[in-house]
Amino acid sequence: MRKEVEGERHYSLYRVNAEITKAFDLARLPRDEHYLTIVIEDQALQYYQMVYTTDPRTSAMSSRISLAGYSLGERHVVAKGHTYKTAMGHPSLPVDYKATYATFVMAIPI
């Protein structure tokens, strides 16, 4: 992990290696289409405290990614907020409290 701070801007770089298993409905094989979706959500900071951003010019998927029998399409990336209608058990918050956390979503058509 690498971190840099420039005034109000904080930059963190993480390298993630993951083995991902997902069951696909193959009823339409060989004309089936799927999305491999990767979601990262901060557990501590709410959306007003931290927002994920992406830079398509300098971000990419590894050229070594392969799925036997499938081709990878152009990835779709979005950074957004995900709201939970809960105080998550915090006793000082109102019962109808809603917390919104920073979320990063990448979908890869295969």
PDB file of N, CA and C in Angstrom:
ATOM      1  N   MET A   1       0.844  -1.170   0.000  1.00  0.00           N
ATOM      2  CA  MET A   1       0.000   0.000   0.000  1.00  0.00           C
ATOM      3  C   MET A   1       0.896   1.243   0.000  1.00  0.00           C
ATOM      4  N   ARG A   2       0.466   2.239  -0.745  1.00  0.00           N
ATOM      5  CA  ARG A   2       1.183   3.501  -0.788  1.00  0.00           C
ATOM      6  C   ARG A   2       0.191   4.634  -0.519  1.00  0.00           C
ATOM      7  N   LYS A   3       0.592   5.600   0.323  1.00  0.00           N
ATOM      8  CA  LYS A   3      -0.270   6.738   0.647  1.00  0.00           C
ATOM      9  C   LYS A   3       0.483   8.041   0.419  1.00  0.00           C
ATOM     10  N   GLU A   4      -0.221   9.030  -0.086  1.00  0.00           N
ATOM     11  CA  GLU A   4       0.315  10.374  -0.259  1.00  0.00           C
ATOM     12  C   GLU A   4      -0.763  11.372   0.140  1.00  0.00           C
ATOM     13  N   VAL A   5      -0.348  12.496   0.707  1.00  0.00           N
ATOM     14  CA  VAL A   5      -1.283  13.545   1.096  1.00  0.00           C
ATOM     15  C   VAL A   5      -0.831  14.857   0.482  1.00  0.00           C
ATOM     16  N   GLU A   6      -1.737  15.528  -0.212  1.00  0.00           N
ATOM     17  CA  GLU A   6      -1.500  16.857  -0.770  1.00  0.00           C
ATOM     18  C   GLU A   6      -2.633  17.752  -0.307  1.00  0.00           C
ATOM     19  N   GLY A   7      -2.431  18.487   0.754  1.00  0.00           N
ATOM     20  CA  GLY A   7      -3.481  19.356   1.282  1.00  0.00           C
ATOM     21  C   GLY A   7      -4.701  18.549   1.699  1.00  0.00           C
ATOM     22  N   GLU A   8      -5.842  18.834   1.085  1.00  0.00           N
ATOM     23  CA  GLU A   8      -7.096  18.129   1.386  1.00  0.00           C
ATOM     24  C   GLU A   8      -7.212  16.794   0.646  1.00  0.00           C
ATOM     25  N   ARG A   9      -6.347  16.556  -0.319  1.00  0.00           N
ATOM     26  CA  ARG A   9      -6.443  15.360  -1.150  1.00  0.00           C
ATOM     27  C   ARG A   9      -5.554  14.247  -0.594  1.00  0.00           C
ATOM     28  N   HIS A  10      -6.150  13.075  -0.411  1.00  0.00           N
ATOM     29  CA  HIS A  10      -5.431  11.899   0.076  1.00  0.00           C
ATOM     30  C   HIS A  10      -5.466  10.837  -1.022  1.00  0.00           C
ATOM     31  N   TYR A  11      -4.301  10.293  -1.339  1.00  0.00           N
ATOM     32  CA  TYR A  11      -4.179   9.289  -2.385  1.00  0.00           C
ATOM     33  C   TYR A  11      -3.673   7.998  -1.751  1.00  0.00           C
ATOM     34  N   SER A  12      -4.391   6.912  -2.005  1.00  0.00           N
ATOM     35  CA  SER A  12      -3.965   5.600  -1.519  1.00  0.00           C
ATOM     36  C   SER A  12      -3.975   4.638  -2.693  1.00  0.00           C
ATOM     37  N   LEU A  13      -2.937   3.855  -2.800  1.00  0.00           N
ATOM     38  CA  LEU A  13      -2.827   2.870  -3.853  1.00  0.00           C
ATOM     39  C   LEU A  13      -2.777   1.491  -3.215  1.00  0.00           C
ATOM     40  N   TYR A  14      -3.682   0.626  -3.648  1.00  0.00           N
ATOM     41  CA  TYR A  14      -3.727  -0.746  -3.156  1.00  0.00           C
ATOM     42  C   TYR A  14      -3.601  -1.685  -4.344  1.00  0.00           C
ATOM     43  N   ARG A  15      -2.875  -2.747  -4.171  1.00  0.00           N
ATOM     44  CA  ARG A  15      -2.834  -3.808  -5.168  1.00  0.00           C
ATOM     45  C   ARG A  15      -3.603  -4.973  -4.570  1.00  0.00           C
ATOM     46  N   VAL A  16      -4.584  -5.450  -5.304  1.00  0.00           N
ATOM     47  CA  VAL A  16      -5.433  -6.519  -4.806  1.00  0.00           C
ATOM     48  C   VAL A  16      -5.337  -7.702  -5.759  1.00  0.00           C
ATOM     49  N   ASN A  17      -5.014  -8.848  -5.223  1.00  0.00           N
ATOM     50  CA  ASN A  17      -5.075 -10.102  -5.967  1.00  0.00           C
ATOM     51  C   ASN A  17      -6.217 -10.895  -5.365  1.00  0.00           C
ATOM     52  N   ALA A  18      -7.102 -11.382  -6.217  1.00  0.00           N
ATOM     53  CA  ALA A  18      -8.262 -12.102  -5.695  1.00  0.00           C
ATOM     54  C   ALA A  18      -8.585 -13.299  -6.573  1.00  0.00           C
ATOM     55  N   GLU A  19      -8.984 -14.365  -5.936  1.00  0.00           N
ATOM     56  CA  GLU A  19      -9.572 -15.485  -6.647  1.00  0.00           C
ATOM     57  C   GLU A  19     -11.061 -15.341  -6.463  1.00  0.00           C
ATOM     58  N   ILE A  20     -11.766 -15.170  -7.555  1.00  0.00           N
ATOM     59  CA  ILE A  20     -13.198 -14.904  -7.486  1.00  0.00           C
ATOM     60  C   ILE A  20     -13.933 -16.079  -8.112  1.00  0.00           C
ATOM     61  N   THR A  21     -14.888 -16.600  -7.372  1.00  0.00           N
ATOM     62  CA  THR A  21     -15.711 -17.689  -7.861  1.00  0.00           C
ATOM     63  C   THR A  21     -17.140 -17.189  -7.986  1.00  0.00           C
ATOM     64  N   LYS A  22     -17.727 -17.383  -9.140  1.00  0.00           N
ATOM     65  CA  LYS A  22     -19.097 -16.954  -9.354  1.00  0.00           C
ATOM     66  C   LYS A  22     -19.798 -18.010 -10.196  1.00  0.00           C
ATOM     67  N   ALA A  23     -20.993 -18.384  -9.782  1.00  0.00           N
ATOM     68  CA  ALA A  23     -21.780 -19.345 -10.548  1.00  0.00           C
ATOM     69  C   ALA A  23     -22.536 -18.594 -11.642  1.00  0.00           C
ATOM     70  N   PHE A  24     -22.468 -19.093 -12.869  1.00  0.00           N
ATOM     71  CA  PHE A  24     -23.155 -18.473 -13.997  1.00  0.00           C
ATOM     72  C   PHE A  24     -24.227 -19.416 -14.515  1.00  0.00           C
ATOM     73  N   ASP A  25     -25.353 -18.848 -14.939  1.00  0.00           N
ATOM     74  CA  ASP A  25     -26.408 -19.623 -15.576  1.00  0.00           C
ATOM     75  C   ASP A  25     -25.995 -19.850 -17.026  1.00  0.00           C
ATOM     76  N   LEU A  26     -25.734 -21.068 -17.386  1.00  0.00           N
ATOM     77  CA  LEU A  26     -25.230 -21.388 -18.720  1.00  0.00           C
ATOM     78  C   LEU A  26     -26.328 -21.900 -19.650  1.00  0.00           C
ATOM     79  N   ALA A  27     -27.590 -21.607 -19.342  1.00  0.00           N
ATOM     80  CA  ALA A  27     -28.702 -22.102 -20.135  1.00  0.00           C
ATOM     81  C   ALA A  27     -28.639 -21.612 -21.584  1.00  0.00           C
ATOM     82  N   ARG A  28     -28.038 -20.441 -21.824  1.00  0.00           N
ATOM     83  CA  ARG A  28     -27.973 -19.876 -23.175  1.00  0.00           C
ATOM     84  C   ARG A  28     -26.624 -20.135 -23.856  1.00  0.00           C
ATOM     85  N   LEU A  29     -25.796 -20.995 -23.282  1.00  0.00           N
ATOM     86  CA  LEU A  29     -24.490 -21.309 -23.849  1.00  0.00           C
ATOM     87  C   LEU A  29     -24.651 -21.764 -25.292  1.00  0.00           C
ATOM     88  N   PRO A  30     -23.936 -21.336 -26.269  1.00  0.00           N
ATOM     89  CA  PRO A  30     -22.734 -20.511 -26.201  1.00  0.00           C
ATOM     90  C   PRO A  30     -23.008 -19.020 -26.377  1.00  0.00           C
ATOM     91  N   ARG A  31     -24.235 -18.571 -26.331  1.00  0.00           N
ATOM     92  CA  ARG A  31     -24.552 -17.151 -26.523  1.00  0.00           C
ATOM     93  C   ARG A  31     -24.865 -16.455 -25.202  1.00  0.00           C
ATOM     94  N   ASP A  32     -24.353 -16.973 -24.135  1.00  0.00           N
ATOM     95  CA  ASP A  32     -24.609 -16.379 -22.825  1.00  0.00           C
ATOM     96  C   ASP A  32     -23.736 -15.154 -22.606  1.00  0.00           C
ATOM     97  N   GLU A  33     -24.258 -14.209 -21.837  1.00  0.00           N
ATOM     98  CA  GLU A  33     -23.534 -12.998 -21.475  1.00  0.00           C
ATOM     99  C   GLU A  33     -23.668 -12.795 -19.969  1.00  0.00           C
ATOM    100  N   HIS A  34     -22.607 -12.360 -19.337  1.00  0.00           N
ATOM    101  CA  HIS A  34     -22.614 -12.161 -17.892  1.00  0.00           C
ATOM    102  C   HIS A  34     -21.808 -10.915 -17.552  1.00  0.00           C
ATOM    103  N   TYR A  35     -21.968 -10.447 -16.322  1.00  0.00           N
ATOM    104  CA  TYR A  35     -21.122  -9.385 -15.796  1.00  0.00           C
ATOM    105  C   TYR A  35     -20.418  -9.914 -14.557  1.00  0.00           C
ATOM    106  N   LEU A  36     -19.113  -9.776 -14.542  1.00  0.00           N
ATOM    107  CA  LEU A  36     -18.347 -10.042 -13.338  1.00  0.00           C
ATOM    108  C   LEU A  36     -18.282  -8.707 -12.613  1.00  0.00           C
ATOM    109  N   THR A  37     -18.867  -8.632 -11.439  1.00  0.00           N
ATOM    110  CA  THR A  37     -18.974  -7.374 -10.705  1.00  0.00           C
ATOM    111  C   THR A  37     -18.116  -7.427  -9.454  1.00  0.00           C
ATOM    112  N   ILE A  38     -17.293  -6.413  -9.285  1.00  0.00           N
ATOM    113  CA  ILE A  38     -16.446  -6.284  -8.103  1.00  0.00           C
ATOM    114  C   ILE A  38     -16.871  -5.021  -7.375  1.00  0.00           C
ATOM    115  N   VAL A  39     -17.225  -5.153  -6.098  1.00  0.00           N
ATOM    116  CA  VAL A  39     -17.697  -4.022  -5.298  1.00  0.00           C
ATOM    117  C   VAL A  39     -16.777  -3.857  -4.093  1.00  0.00           C
ATOM    118  N   ILE A  40     -16.303  -2.631  -3.886  1.00  0.00           N
ATOM    119  CA  ILE A  40     -15.490  -2.297  -2.723  1.00  0.00           C
ATOM    120  C   ILE A  40     -16.204  -1.181  -1.984  1.00  0.00           C
ATOM    121  N   GLU A  41     -16.432  -1.380  -0.698  1.00  0.00           N
ATOM    122  CA  GLU A  41     -17.141  -0.368   0.095  1.00  0.00           C
ATOM    123  C   GLU A  41     -16.369  -0.108   1.377  1.00  0.00           C
ATOM    124  N   ASP A  42     -16.188   1.168   1.686  1.00  0.00           N
ATOM    125  CA  ASP A  42     -15.492   1.520   2.915  1.00  0.00           C
ATOM    126  C   ASP A  42     -16.390   1.187   4.096  1.00  0.00           C
ATOM    127  N   GLN A  43     -15.823   0.600   5.146  1.00  0.00           N
ATOM    128  CA  GLN A  43     -16.613   0.209   6.313  1.00  0.00           C
ATOM    129  C   GLN A  43     -16.618   1.257   7.405  1.00  0.00           C
ATOM    130  N   ALA A  44     -15.695   2.194   7.350  1.00  0.00           N
ATOM    131  CA  ALA A  44     -15.566   3.147   8.447  1.00  0.00           C
ATOM    132  C   ALA A  44     -16.023   4.552   8.079  1.00  0.00           C
ATOM    133  N   LEU A  45     -15.689   5.008   6.885  1.00  0.00           N
ATOM    134  CA  LEU A  45     -15.971   6.388   6.516  1.00  0.00           C
ATOM    135  C   LEU A  45     -17.230   6.492   5.671  1.00  0.00           C
ATOM    136  N   GLN A  46     -18.087   7.441   6.037  1.00  0.00           N
ATOM    137  CA  GLN A  46     -19.287   7.667   5.259  1.00  0.00           C
ATOM    138  C   GLN A  46     -18.953   8.508   4.031  1.00  0.00           C
ATOM    139  N   TYR A  47     -19.900   8.596   3.106  1.00  0.00           N
ATOM    140  CA  TYR A  47     -19.702   9.236   1.814  1.00  0.00           C
ATOM    141  C   TYR A  47     -19.271  10.696   1.935  1.00  0.00           C
ATOM    142  N   TYR A  48     -19.768  11.394   2.942  1.00  0.00           N
ATOM    143  CA  TYR A  48     -19.387  12.794   3.111  1.00  0.00           C
ATOM    144  C   TYR A  48     -17.949  12.921   3.635  1.00  0.00           C
ATOM    145  N   GLN A  49     -17.361  11.819   4.101  1.00  0.00           N
ATOM    146  CA  GLN A  49     -15.991  11.832   4.623  1.00  0.00           C
ATOM    147  C   GLN A  49     -14.959  11.333   3.607  1.00  0.00           C
ATOM    148  N   MET A  50     -15.390  10.469   2.678  1.00  0.00           N
ATOM    149  CA  MET A  50     -14.462   9.877   1.722  1.00  0.00           C
ATOM    150  C   MET A  50     -15.232   9.423   0.488  1.00  0.00           C
ATOM    151  N   VAL A  51     -14.671   9.716  -0.686  1.00  0.00           N
ATOM    152  CA  VAL A  51     -15.295   9.314  -1.942  1.00  0.00           C
ATOM    153  C   VAL A  51     -14.239   8.637  -2.808  1.00  0.00           C
ATOM    154  N   TYR A  52     -14.586   7.494  -3.396  1.00  0.00           N
ATOM    155  CA  TYR A  52     -13.683   6.849  -4.344  1.00  0.00           C
ATOM    156  C   TYR A  52     -13.740   7.616  -5.658  1.00  0.00           C
ATOM    157  N   THR A  53     -12.606   7.758  -6.308  1.00  0.00           N
ATOM    158  CA  THR A  53     -12.565   8.331  -7.650  1.00  0.00           C
ATOM    159  C   THR A  53     -11.745   7.411  -8.534  1.00  0.00           C
ATOM    160  N   THR A  54     -11.965   7.504  -9.818  1.00  0.00           N
ATOM    161  CA  THR A  54     -11.219   6.669 -10.756  1.00  0.00           C
ATOM    162  C   THR A  54     -10.555   7.552 -11.801  1.00  0.00           C
ATOM    163  N   ASP A  55      -9.477   7.066 -12.348  1.00  0.00           N
ATOM    164  CA  ASP A  55      -8.778   7.754 -13.421  1.00  0.00           C
ATOM    165  C   ASP A  55      -8.599   6.763 -14.561  1.00  0.00           C
ATOM    166  N   PRO A  56      -9.501   6.800 -15.556  1.00  0.00           N
ATOM    167  CA  PRO A  56      -9.438   5.816 -16.640  1.00  0.00           C
ATOM    168  C   PRO A  56      -8.140   5.872 -17.439  1.00  0.00           C
ATOM    169  N   ARG A  57      -7.458   7.005 -17.440  1.00  0.00           N
ATOM    170  CA  ARG A  57      -6.200   7.123 -18.190  1.00  0.00           C
ATOM    171  C   ARG A  57      -5.089   6.283 -17.576  1.00  0.00           C
ATOM    172  N   THR A  58      -5.125   6.097 -16.256  1.00  0.00           N
ATOM    173  CA  THR A  58      -4.020   5.404 -15.593  1.00  0.00           C
ATOM    174  C   THR A  58      -4.441   4.116 -14.890  1.00  0.00           C
ATOM    175  N   SER A  59      -5.694   3.705 -15.042  1.00  0.00           N
ATOM    176  CA  SER A  59      -6.174   2.466 -14.421  1.00  0.00           C
ATOM    177  C   SER A  59      -6.448   1.449 -15.518  1.00  0.00           C
ATOM    178  N   ALA A  60      -6.158   0.211 -15.231  1.00  0.00           N
ATOM    179  CA  ALA A  60      -6.395  -0.825 -16.236  1.00  0.00           C
ATOM    180  C   ALA A  60      -6.481  -2.186 -15.565  1.00  0.00           C
ATOM    181  N   MET A  61      -7.030  -3.142 -16.307  1.00  0.00           N
ATOM    182  CA  MET A  61      -7.032  -4.527 -15.858  1.00  0.00           C
ATOM    183  C   MET A  61      -5.776  -5.187 -16.403  1.00  0.00           C
ATOM    184  N   SER A  62      -5.318  -6.175 -15.719  1.00  0.00           N
ATOM    185  CA  SER A  62      -4.152  -6.914 -16.172  1.00  0.00           C
ATOM    186  C   SER A  62      -4.456  -7.611 -17.497  1.00  0.00           C
ATOM    187  N   SER A  63      -3.494  -7.614 -18.386  1.00  0.00           N
ATOM    188  CA  SER A  63      -3.650  -8.318 -19.661  1.00  0.00           C
ATOM    189  C   SER A  63      -3.609  -9.837 -19.461  1.00  0.00           C
ATOM    190  N   ARG A  64      -3.251 -10.281 -18.263  1.00  0.00           N
ATOM    191  CA  ARG A  64      -3.168 -11.716 -17.970  1.00  0.00           C
ATOM    192  C   ARG A  64      -4.504 -12.308 -17.521  1.00  0.00           C
ATOM    193  N   ILE A  65      -5.545 -11.475 -17.383  1.00  0.00           N
ATOM    194  CA  ILE A  65      -6.851 -11.996 -16.990  1.00  0.00           C
ATOM    195  C   ILE A  65      -7.419 -12.802 -18.139  1.00  0.00           C
ATOM    196  N   SER A  66      -7.880 -14.018 -17.825  1.00  0.00           N
ATOM    197  CA  SER A  66      -8.499 -14.844 -18.857  1.00  0.00           C
ATOM    198  C   SER A  66      -9.572 -15.727 -18.243  1.00  0.00           C
ATOM    199  N   LEU A  67     -10.598 -15.970 -19.017  1.00  0.00           N
ATOM    200  CA  LEU A  67     -11.669 -16.876 -18.632  1.00  0.00           C
ATOM    201  C   LEU A  67     -11.847 -17.846 -19.788  1.00  0.00           C
ATOM    202  N   ALA A  68     -11.630 -19.119 -19.544  1.00  0.00           N
ATOM    203  CA  ALA A  68     -11.701 -20.122 -20.604  1.00  0.00           C
ATOM    204  C   ALA A  68     -13.066 -20.084 -21.287  1.00  0.00           C
ATOM    205  N   GLY A  69     -13.067 -19.913 -22.598  1.00  0.00           N
ATOM    206  CA  GLY A  69     -14.294 -19.930 -23.376  1.00  0.00           C
ATOM    207  C   GLY A  69     -15.007 -18.587 -23.456  1.00  0.00           C
ATOM    208  N   TYR A  70     -14.480 -17.545 -22.827  1.00  0.00           N
ATOM    209  CA  TYR A  70     -15.133 -16.231 -22.825  1.00  0.00           C
ATOM    210  C   TYR A  70     -14.131 -15.151 -23.202  1.00  0.00           C
ATOM    211  N   SER A  71     -14.646 -14.038 -23.670  1.00  0.00           N
ATOM    212  CA  SER A  71     -13.804 -12.869 -23.899  1.00  0.00           C
ATOM    213  C   SER A  71     -14.276 -11.760 -22.964  1.00  0.00           C
ATOM    214  N   LEU A  72     -13.345 -10.919 -22.569  1.00  0.00           N
ATOM    215  CA  LEU A  72     -13.656  -9.822 -21.659  1.00  0.00           C
ATOM    216  C   LEU A  72     -14.032  -8.581 -22.456  1.00  0.00           C
ATOM    217  N   GLY A  73     -15.102  -7.903 -22.038  1.00  0.00           N
ATOM    218  CA  GLY A  73     -15.498  -6.654 -22.671  1.00  0.00           C
ATOM    219  C   GLY A  73     -14.862  -5.475 -21.958  1.00  0.00           C
ATOM    220  N   GLU A  74     -15.219  -4.281 -22.381  1.00  0.00           N
ATOM    221  CA  GLU A  74     -14.701  -3.055 -21.772  1.00  0.00           C
ATOM    222  C   GLU A  74     -15.314  -2.893 -20.383  1.00  0.00           C
ATOM    223  N   ARG A  75     -14.502  -2.656 -19.402  1.00  0.00           N
ATOM    224  CA  ARG A  75     -14.979  -2.534 -18.017  1.00  0.00           C
ATOM    225  C   ARG A  75     -15.765  -1.248 -17.822  1.00  0.00           C
ATOM    226  N   HIS A  76     -16.702  -1.297 -16.897  1.00  0.00           N
ATOM    227  CA  HIS A  76     -17.499  -0.139 -16.513  1.00  0.00           C
ATOM    228  C   HIS A  76     -17.218   0.121 -15.034  1.00  0.00           C
ATOM    229  N   VAL A  77     -16.895   1.367 -14.705  1.00  0.00           N
ATOM    230  CA  VAL A  77     -16.523   1.711 -13.337  1.00  0.00           C
ATOM    231  C   VAL A  77     -17.381   2.869 -12.860  1.00  0.00           C
ATOM    232  N   VAL A  78     -17.852   2.782 -11.608  1.00  0.00           N
ATOM    233  CA  VAL A  78     -18.604   3.879 -11.013  1.00  0.00           C
ATOM    234  C   VAL A  78     -18.232   3.984  -9.537  1.00  0.00           C
ATOM    235  N   ALA A  79     -18.105   5.209  -9.072  1.00  0.00           N
ATOM    236  CA  ALA A  79     -17.912   5.486  -7.650  1.00  0.00           C
ATOM    237  C   ALA A  79     -19.176   6.188  -7.185  1.00  0.00           C
ATOM    238  N   LYS A  80     -19.796   5.683  -6.134  1.00  0.00           N
ATOM    239  CA  LYS A  80     -21.082   6.219  -5.690  1.00  0.00           C
ATOM    240  C   LYS A  80     -21.260   5.998  -4.201  1.00  0.00           C
ATOM    241  N   GLY A  81     -22.365   6.447  -3.697  1.00  0.00           N
ATOM    242  CA  GLY A  81     -22.720   6.200  -2.308  1.00  0.00           C
ATOM    243  C   GLY A  81     -23.710   5.051  -2.209  1.00  0.00           C
ATOM    244  N   HIS A  82     -23.645   4.291  -1.132  1.00  0.00           N
ATOM    245  CA  HIS A  82     -24.596   3.202  -0.869  1.00  0.00           C
ATOM    246  C   HIS A  82     -25.215   3.465   0.500  1.00  0.00           C
ATOM    247  N   THR A  83     -26.521   3.660   0.521  1.00  0.00           N
ATOM    248  CA  THR A  83     -27.209   4.050   1.740  1.00  0.00           C
ATOM    249  C   THR A  83     -27.819   2.850   2.450  1.00  0.00           C
ATOM    250  N   TYR A  84     -27.618   2.820   3.754  1.00  0.00           N
ATOM    251  CA  TYR A  84     -28.234   1.814   4.619  1.00  0.00           C
ATOM    252  C   TYR A  84     -29.234   2.532   5.507  1.00  0.00           C
ATOM    253  N   LYS A  85     -30.432   1.992   5.634  1.00  0.00           N
ATOM    254  CA  LYS A  85     -31.464   2.571   6.500  1.00  0.00           C
ATOM    255  C   LYS A  85     -31.325   1.972   7.892  1.00  0.00           C
ATOM    256  N   THR A  86     -30.237   2.339   8.566  1.00  0.00           N
ATOM    257  CA  THR A  86     -29.966   1.800   9.888  1.00  0.00           C
ATOM    258  C   THR A  86     -28.988   2.686  10.647  1.00  0.00           C
ATOM    259  N   ALA A  87     -29.126   2.698  11.946  1.00  0.00           N
ATOM    260  CA  ALA A  87     -28.159   3.375  12.817  1.00  0.00           C
ATOM    261  C   ALA A  87     -27.044   2.413  13.202  1.00  0.00           C
ATOM    262  N   MET A  88     -27.110   1.180  12.685  1.00  0.00           N
ATOM    263  CA  MET A  88     -26.132   0.122  12.949  1.00  0.00           C
ATOM    264  C   MET A  88     -25.899  -0.097  14.438  1.00  0.00           C
ATOM    265  N   GLY A  89     -26.980   0.024  15.203  1.00  0.00           N
ATOM    266  CA  GLY A  89     -26.922  -0.258  16.633  1.00  0.00           C
ATOM    267  C   GLY A  89     -26.376   0.865  17.491  1.00  0.00           C
ATOM    268  N   HIS A  90     -26.040   2.004  16.889  1.00  0.00           N
ATOM    269  CA  HIS A  90     -25.472   3.114  17.656  1.00  0.00           C
ATOM    270  C   HIS A  90     -26.582   3.756  18.509  1.00  0.00           C
ATOM    271  N   PRO A  91     -26.446   3.749  19.824  1.00  0.00           N
ATOM    272  CA  PRO A  91     -27.526   4.201  20.700  1.00  0.00           C
ATOM    273  C   PRO A  91     -27.835   5.702  20.629  1.00  0.00           C
ATOM    274  N   SER A  92     -26.891   6.538  20.204  1.00  0.00           N
ATOM    275  CA  SER A  92     -27.148   7.976  20.192  1.00  0.00           C
ATOM    276  C   SER A  92     -27.766   8.469  18.884  1.00  0.00           C
ATOM    277  N   LEU A  93     -27.899   7.604  17.896  1.00  0.00           N
ATOM    278  CA  LEU A  93     -28.486   8.010  16.616  1.00  0.00           C
ATOM    279  C   LEU A  93     -29.970   7.710  16.582  1.00  0.00           C
ATOM    280  N   PRO A  94     -30.757   8.517  15.844  1.00  0.00           N
ATOM    281  CA  PRO A  94     -32.206   8.274  15.759  1.00  0.00           C
ATOM    282  C   PRO A  94     -32.507   6.936  15.086  1.00  0.00           C
ATOM    283  N   VAL A  95     -33.665   6.383  15.394  1.00  0.00           N
ATOM    284  CA  VAL A  95     -34.080   5.079  14.869  1.00  0.00           C
ATOM    285  C   VAL A  95     -34.150   5.092  13.342  1.00  0.00           C
ATOM    286  N   ASP A  96     -34.554   6.214  12.742  1.00  0.00           N
ATOM    287  CA  ASP A  96     -34.705   6.295  11.292  1.00  0.00           C
ATOM    288  C   ASP A  96     -33.435   6.811  10.587  1.00  0.00           C
ATOM    289  N   TYR A  97     -32.292   6.706  11.222  1.00  0.00           N
ATOM    290  CA  TYR A  97     -31.019   7.192  10.685  1.00  0.00           C
ATOM    291  C   TYR A  97     -30.652   6.437   9.410  1.00  0.00           C
ATOM    292  N   LYS A  98     -30.079   7.163   8.447  1.00  0.00           N
ATOM    293  CA  LYS A  98     -29.589   6.554   7.211  1.00  0.00           C
ATOM    294  C   LYS A  98     -28.110   6.913   7.054  1.00  0.00           C
ATOM    295  N   ALA A  99     -27.295   5.912   6.856  1.00  0.00           N
ATOM    296  CA  ALA A  99     -25.866   6.121   6.668  1.00  0.00           C
ATOM    297  C   ALA A  99     -25.500   5.774   5.231  1.00  0.00           C
ATOM    298  N   THR A 100     -24.738   6.662   4.569  1.00  0.00           N
ATOM    299  CA  THR A 100     -24.310   6.441   3.197  1.00  0.00           C
ATOM    300  C   THR A 100     -22.797   6.278   3.176  1.00  0.00           C
ATOM    301  N   TYR A 101     -22.330   5.153   2.637  1.00  0.00           N
ATOM    302  CA  TYR A 101     -20.909   4.836   2.608  1.00  0.00           C
ATOM    303  C   TYR A 101     -20.373   4.889   1.174  1.00  0.00           C
ATOM    304  N   ALA A 102     -19.094   5.239   1.051  1.00  0.00           N
ATOM    305  CA  ALA A 102     -18.439   5.307  -0.248  1.00  0.00           C
ATOM    306  C   ALA A 102     -18.318   3.906  -0.835  1.00  0.00           C
ATOM    307  N   THR A 103     -18.712   3.768  -2.103  1.00  0.00           N
ATOM    308  CA  THR A 103     -18.704   2.474  -2.773  1.00  0.00           C
ATOM    309  C   THR A 103     -18.070   2.610  -4.157  1.00  0.00           C
ATOM    310  N   PHE A 104     -17.262   1.642  -4.511  1.00  0.00           N
ATOM    311  CA  PHE A 104     -16.630   1.560  -5.828  1.00  0.00           C
ATOM    312  C   PHE A 104     -17.145   0.285  -6.490  1.00  0.00           C
ATOM    313  N   VAL A 105     -17.641   0.394  -7.722  1.00  0.00           N
ATOM    314  CA  VAL A 105     -18.165  -0.771  -8.438  1.00  0.00           C
ATOM    315  C   VAL A 105     -17.486  -0.855  -9.801  1.00  0.00           C
ATOM    316  N   MET A 106     -16.978  -2.065 -10.126  1.00  0.00           N
ATOM    317  CA  MET A 106     -16.448  -2.310 -11.458  1.00  0.00           C
ATOM    318  C   MET A 106     -17.181  -3.521 -12.021  1.00  0.00           C
ATOM    319  N   ALA A 107     -17.728  -3.373 -13.226  1.00  0.00           N
ATOM    320  CA  ALA A 107     -18.422  -4.465 -13.887  1.00  0.00           C
ATOM    321  C   ALA A 107     -17.691  -4.778 -15.193  1.00  0.00           C
ATOM    322  N   ILE A 108     -17.386  -6.046 -15.379  1.00  0.00           N
ATOM    323  CA  ILE A 108     -16.672  -6.491 -16.571  1.00  0.00           C
ATOM    324  C   ILE A 108     -17.596  -7.438 -17.345  1.00  0.00           C
ATOM    325  N   PRO A 109     -18.028  -7.036 -18.540  1.00  0.00           N
ATOM    326  CA  PRO A 109     -18.864  -7.952 -19.321  1.00  0.00           C
ATOM    327  C   PRO A 109     -18.029  -9.117 -19.857  1.00  0.00           C
ATOM    328  N   ILE A 110     -18.572 -10.310 -19.726  1.00  0.00           N
ATOM    329  CA  ILE A 110     -17.883 -11.495 -20.260  1.00  0.00           C
ATOM    330  C   ILE A 110     -18.859 -12.289 -21.101  1.00  0.00           C
TER     331      ILE A 110
END
